N, C-alpha and C. Protein backbone atom coordinates (compact mmCIF):
# COMPACT_ATOMS: atom_id res chain seq x y z
N MET A 1 -0.30 -3.66 18.89
CA MET A 1 -0.07 -4.87 18.16
C MET A 1 -0.91 -4.89 16.87
N VAL A 2 -0.37 -5.46 15.85
CA VAL A 2 -1.05 -5.52 14.56
C VAL A 2 -1.57 -6.94 14.40
N LYS A 3 -2.79 -6.99 13.78
CA LYS A 3 -3.51 -8.24 13.67
C LYS A 3 -3.89 -8.56 12.18
N VAL A 4 -4.09 -7.47 11.39
CA VAL A 4 -4.45 -7.61 10.02
C VAL A 4 -3.62 -6.73 9.20
N ALA A 5 -3.56 -7.08 7.84
CA ALA A 5 -2.73 -6.24 6.96
C ALA A 5 -3.27 -6.32 5.50
N LEU A 6 -2.64 -5.58 4.68
CA LEU A 6 -2.93 -5.61 3.26
C LEU A 6 -1.60 -5.81 2.49
N PHE A 7 -1.62 -6.63 1.46
CA PHE A 7 -0.51 -6.71 0.52
C PHE A 7 -1.08 -6.37 -0.84
N VAL A 8 -0.49 -5.32 -1.41
CA VAL A 8 -0.90 -4.85 -2.73
C VAL A 8 0.22 -5.00 -3.71
N ARG A 9 -0.01 -5.67 -4.78
CA ARG A 9 1.01 -5.95 -5.79
C ARG A 9 0.67 -4.95 -7.05
N LEU A 10 1.67 -4.25 -7.47
CA LEU A 10 1.51 -3.24 -8.50
C LEU A 10 2.49 -3.55 -9.64
N LYS A 11 2.00 -3.68 -10.88
CA LYS A 11 2.87 -3.92 -12.05
C LYS A 11 2.82 -2.65 -12.86
N ALA A 12 3.93 -2.00 -12.96
CA ALA A 12 4.08 -0.74 -13.72
C ALA A 12 3.98 -0.94 -15.18
N LYS A 13 3.36 0.01 -15.88
CA LYS A 13 3.34 -0.01 -17.29
C LYS A 13 4.77 0.28 -17.80
N PRO A 14 5.13 -0.26 -18.97
CA PRO A 14 6.50 0.00 -19.42
C PRO A 14 6.76 1.52 -19.53
N GLY A 15 7.87 1.95 -18.99
CA GLY A 15 8.23 3.32 -18.98
C GLY A 15 7.64 4.12 -17.85
N LYS A 16 6.83 3.55 -16.94
CA LYS A 16 6.22 4.24 -15.86
C LYS A 16 6.81 3.83 -14.55
N GLU A 17 7.90 3.16 -14.47
CA GLU A 17 8.49 2.70 -13.26
C GLU A 17 8.87 3.81 -12.32
N LYS A 18 9.45 4.86 -12.86
CA LYS A 18 9.83 6.03 -12.01
C LYS A 18 8.60 6.72 -11.48
N ASP A 19 7.52 6.74 -12.24
CA ASP A 19 6.28 7.36 -11.81
C ASP A 19 5.63 6.59 -10.65
N VAL A 20 5.64 5.24 -10.72
CA VAL A 20 5.16 4.43 -9.71
C VAL A 20 5.99 4.59 -8.40
N GLU A 21 7.33 4.69 -8.57
CA GLU A 21 8.19 4.92 -7.41
C GLU A 21 7.85 6.25 -6.80
N SER A 22 7.69 7.27 -7.60
CA SER A 22 7.31 8.61 -7.04
C SER A 22 5.92 8.53 -6.36
N PHE A 23 5.02 7.79 -6.89
CA PHE A 23 3.70 7.64 -6.36
C PHE A 23 3.79 7.01 -4.91
N LEU A 24 4.62 5.99 -4.78
CA LEU A 24 4.80 5.35 -3.50
C LEU A 24 5.45 6.25 -2.50
N LEU A 25 6.46 7.01 -2.91
CA LEU A 25 7.14 7.99 -2.02
C LEU A 25 6.17 9.00 -1.53
N GLY A 26 5.27 9.46 -2.39
CA GLY A 26 4.28 10.49 -2.02
C GLY A 26 3.16 9.89 -1.18
N GLY A 27 2.93 8.59 -1.27
CA GLY A 27 1.88 7.96 -0.47
C GLY A 27 2.26 7.96 1.00
N LEU A 28 3.51 7.98 1.35
CA LEU A 28 3.92 7.98 2.71
C LEU A 28 3.33 9.20 3.46
N ARG A 29 3.34 10.37 2.77
CA ARG A 29 2.80 11.59 3.42
C ARG A 29 1.39 11.43 3.73
N LEU A 30 0.60 10.80 2.85
CA LEU A 30 -0.81 10.60 3.03
C LEU A 30 -1.14 9.63 4.17
N VAL A 31 -0.37 8.52 4.25
CA VAL A 31 -0.64 7.49 5.22
C VAL A 31 -0.21 7.98 6.60
N GLU A 32 0.66 8.88 6.73
CA GLU A 32 1.04 9.39 8.06
C GLU A 32 -0.15 10.04 8.78
N GLU A 33 -1.18 10.44 8.01
CA GLU A 33 -2.33 11.05 8.60
C GLU A 33 -3.37 10.00 9.11
N GLU A 34 -3.03 8.70 8.97
CA GLU A 34 -3.96 7.66 9.36
C GLU A 34 -3.51 7.00 10.70
N PRO A 35 -4.10 7.39 11.80
CA PRO A 35 -3.72 6.87 13.12
C PRO A 35 -3.77 5.37 13.19
N ALA A 36 -4.66 4.70 12.54
CA ALA A 36 -4.79 3.23 12.65
C ALA A 36 -3.88 2.42 11.76
N THR A 37 -3.11 3.11 10.87
CA THR A 37 -2.10 2.45 10.03
C THR A 37 -0.82 2.35 10.87
N THR A 38 -0.58 1.20 11.45
CA THR A 38 0.57 1.01 12.37
C THR A 38 1.83 0.91 11.58
N ALA A 39 1.86 0.26 10.45
CA ALA A 39 3.10 0.19 9.63
C ALA A 39 2.63 0.21 8.11
N TRP A 40 3.52 0.94 7.37
CA TRP A 40 3.20 1.01 5.93
C TRP A 40 4.55 1.04 5.19
N PHE A 41 4.62 0.21 4.14
CA PHE A 41 5.84 0.06 3.33
C PHE A 41 5.52 0.13 1.91
N GLY A 42 6.13 0.98 1.11
CA GLY A 42 6.13 0.98 -0.29
C GLY A 42 7.38 0.23 -0.72
N ILE A 43 7.23 -0.84 -1.51
CA ILE A 43 8.35 -1.74 -1.84
C ILE A 43 8.53 -1.96 -3.32
N ARG A 44 9.73 -2.32 -3.67
CA ARG A 44 9.99 -2.71 -5.12
C ARG A 44 10.34 -4.21 -5.06
N LEU A 45 9.62 -4.98 -5.85
CA LEU A 45 9.89 -6.40 -5.89
C LEU A 45 10.70 -6.82 -7.10
N GLY A 46 10.79 -5.96 -8.06
CA GLY A 46 11.57 -6.26 -9.29
C GLY A 46 11.59 -4.98 -10.12
N PRO A 47 12.19 -5.02 -11.36
CA PRO A 47 12.31 -3.81 -12.13
C PRO A 47 11.05 -3.05 -12.40
N SER A 48 9.95 -3.80 -12.64
CA SER A 48 8.68 -3.10 -12.88
C SER A 48 7.54 -3.55 -11.91
N THR A 49 7.87 -4.31 -10.93
CA THR A 49 6.90 -4.80 -9.93
C THR A 49 7.18 -4.13 -8.57
N PHE A 50 6.07 -3.55 -8.08
CA PHE A 50 6.11 -2.80 -6.81
C PHE A 50 5.06 -3.37 -5.88
N GLY A 51 5.01 -2.90 -4.67
CA GLY A 51 4.02 -3.33 -3.74
C GLY A 51 3.85 -2.35 -2.60
N ILE A 52 2.74 -2.63 -1.87
CA ILE A 52 2.48 -1.89 -0.66
C ILE A 52 2.15 -2.96 0.41
N PHE A 53 2.77 -2.86 1.56
CA PHE A 53 2.42 -3.76 2.72
C PHE A 53 2.09 -2.82 3.85
N ASP A 54 0.96 -2.95 4.43
CA ASP A 54 0.56 -2.09 5.57
C ASP A 54 -0.18 -2.97 6.56
N ALA A 55 -0.04 -2.60 7.86
CA ALA A 55 -0.57 -3.38 8.88
C ALA A 55 -1.37 -2.48 9.85
N PHE A 56 -2.36 -3.15 10.50
CA PHE A 56 -3.41 -2.49 11.34
C PHE A 56 -3.67 -3.24 12.58
N PRO A 57 -4.14 -2.57 13.62
CA PRO A 57 -4.50 -3.31 14.89
C PRO A 57 -5.78 -4.10 14.78
N ASP A 58 -6.65 -3.72 13.82
CA ASP A 58 -7.89 -4.40 13.73
C ASP A 58 -8.56 -4.13 12.39
N GLU A 59 -9.66 -4.81 12.15
CA GLU A 59 -10.42 -4.66 10.88
C GLU A 59 -10.89 -3.25 10.59
N ALA A 60 -11.32 -2.52 11.68
CA ALA A 60 -11.76 -1.20 11.52
C ALA A 60 -10.65 -0.31 10.93
N GLY A 61 -9.41 -0.51 11.41
CA GLY A 61 -8.26 0.31 10.91
C GLY A 61 -7.98 -0.04 9.49
N ARG A 62 -8.10 -1.31 9.06
CA ARG A 62 -7.85 -1.71 7.73
C ARG A 62 -8.93 -1.13 6.79
N GLN A 63 -10.17 -1.11 7.24
CA GLN A 63 -11.26 -0.59 6.45
C GLN A 63 -11.16 0.95 6.34
N ALA A 64 -10.68 1.63 7.36
CA ALA A 64 -10.44 3.11 7.28
C ALA A 64 -9.43 3.36 6.25
N HIS A 65 -8.37 2.53 6.19
CA HIS A 65 -7.28 2.77 5.21
C HIS A 65 -7.83 2.57 3.79
N LEU A 66 -8.60 1.47 3.63
CA LEU A 66 -9.14 1.17 2.28
C LEU A 66 -10.06 2.26 1.77
N SER A 67 -10.65 3.02 2.63
CA SER A 67 -11.52 4.15 2.19
C SER A 67 -10.81 5.46 2.35
N GLY A 68 -9.51 5.46 2.54
CA GLY A 68 -8.74 6.65 2.74
C GLY A 68 -8.09 7.28 1.50
N LYS A 69 -7.27 8.27 1.73
CA LYS A 69 -6.64 9.02 0.62
C LYS A 69 -5.64 8.21 -0.26
N VAL A 70 -4.86 7.33 0.35
CA VAL A 70 -3.99 6.53 -0.40
C VAL A 70 -4.68 5.54 -1.38
N ALA A 71 -5.72 4.90 -0.81
CA ALA A 71 -6.50 3.97 -1.71
C ALA A 71 -7.14 4.75 -2.83
N ALA A 72 -7.71 5.92 -2.54
CA ALA A 72 -8.36 6.69 -3.55
C ALA A 72 -7.35 7.15 -4.60
N ALA A 73 -6.16 7.60 -4.20
CA ALA A 73 -5.11 7.98 -5.15
C ALA A 73 -4.63 6.78 -6.02
N LEU A 74 -4.57 5.61 -5.35
CA LEU A 74 -4.17 4.41 -6.10
C LEU A 74 -5.12 4.11 -7.22
N MET A 75 -6.41 4.13 -6.92
CA MET A 75 -7.39 3.83 -7.93
C MET A 75 -7.49 4.91 -9.00
N ALA A 76 -7.34 6.17 -8.58
CA ALA A 76 -7.42 7.29 -9.54
C ALA A 76 -6.26 7.25 -10.50
N ASN A 77 -5.12 6.64 -10.16
CA ASN A 77 -3.95 6.68 -11.02
C ASN A 77 -3.72 5.30 -11.66
N ALA A 78 -4.55 4.30 -11.38
CA ALA A 78 -4.34 2.94 -11.82
C ALA A 78 -4.19 2.81 -13.34
N ALA A 79 -5.09 3.45 -14.06
CA ALA A 79 -5.13 3.27 -15.52
C ALA A 79 -3.87 3.89 -16.16
N GLU A 80 -3.35 4.94 -15.60
CA GLU A 80 -2.20 5.62 -16.11
C GLU A 80 -0.87 4.89 -15.81
N LEU A 81 -0.78 4.38 -14.57
CA LEU A 81 0.45 3.82 -14.12
C LEU A 81 0.69 2.36 -14.19
N PHE A 82 -0.43 1.58 -14.14
CA PHE A 82 -0.26 0.14 -13.98
C PHE A 82 -0.71 -0.66 -15.18
N ALA A 83 0.08 -1.70 -15.44
CA ALA A 83 -0.21 -2.57 -16.60
C ALA A 83 -1.43 -3.48 -16.34
N GLU A 84 -1.80 -3.64 -15.14
CA GLU A 84 -2.97 -4.39 -14.74
C GLU A 84 -3.54 -3.85 -13.47
N PRO A 85 -4.78 -4.11 -13.17
CA PRO A 85 -5.37 -3.55 -11.88
C PRO A 85 -4.52 -4.02 -10.65
N PRO A 86 -4.40 -3.09 -9.66
CA PRO A 86 -3.68 -3.53 -8.44
C PRO A 86 -4.34 -4.76 -7.84
N SER A 87 -3.48 -5.68 -7.37
CA SER A 87 -3.98 -6.84 -6.68
C SER A 87 -3.94 -6.58 -5.22
N ILE A 88 -5.09 -6.50 -4.50
CA ILE A 88 -5.16 -6.17 -3.12
C ILE A 88 -5.62 -7.38 -2.34
N GLU A 89 -4.73 -7.84 -1.48
CA GLU A 89 -4.98 -9.02 -0.68
C GLU A 89 -5.12 -8.67 0.81
N LYS A 90 -6.23 -9.10 1.40
CA LYS A 90 -6.29 -8.96 2.87
C LYS A 90 -5.59 -10.13 3.49
N VAL A 91 -4.74 -9.85 4.45
CA VAL A 91 -3.95 -10.96 5.11
C VAL A 91 -4.07 -10.77 6.62
N ASP A 92 -3.84 -11.88 7.35
CA ASP A 92 -3.83 -11.89 8.78
C ASP A 92 -2.33 -11.87 9.20
N VAL A 93 -1.97 -11.09 10.22
CA VAL A 93 -0.64 -11.03 10.75
C VAL A 93 -0.56 -12.09 11.87
N LEU A 94 0.34 -12.97 11.74
CA LEU A 94 0.57 -14.10 12.73
C LEU A 94 1.56 -13.63 13.80
N ALA A 95 2.56 -12.93 13.38
CA ALA A 95 3.61 -12.40 14.30
C ALA A 95 4.23 -11.17 13.75
N ALA A 96 4.70 -10.28 14.58
CA ALA A 96 5.30 -9.02 14.13
C ALA A 96 6.25 -8.50 15.16
N LYS A 97 7.26 -7.85 14.72
CA LYS A 97 8.19 -7.07 15.63
C LYS A 97 8.14 -5.66 15.15
N LEU A 98 7.73 -4.76 15.95
CA LEU A 98 7.58 -3.33 15.63
C LEU A 98 8.35 -2.51 16.65
N PRO A 99 8.82 -1.34 16.31
CA PRO A 99 9.46 -0.47 17.33
C PRO A 99 8.49 -0.18 18.49
N SER A 100 9.03 -0.01 19.70
CA SER A 100 8.17 0.26 20.82
C SER A 100 7.95 1.75 21.01
């Protein structure tokens, strides 16, 4: 069961939309190595607005993810890809339906 999550909003720089999309597609490979990341989604919210939603069983899993490879890659590429710093929100999961 998941209890905590992260919602990250990403605003691509003009002309960098495809690069952000590629970044998110590549992030899946990295997050698959994180056993405590129960669910991870790279999403598009609009033409230049993207996001990441990921969920964890507990705070330790969320913290492991925040200090993991995807977070490091996000910050390393932020100045090149994003019009503003990524907005990272810690959220609580009230209800979830996941595959068994």
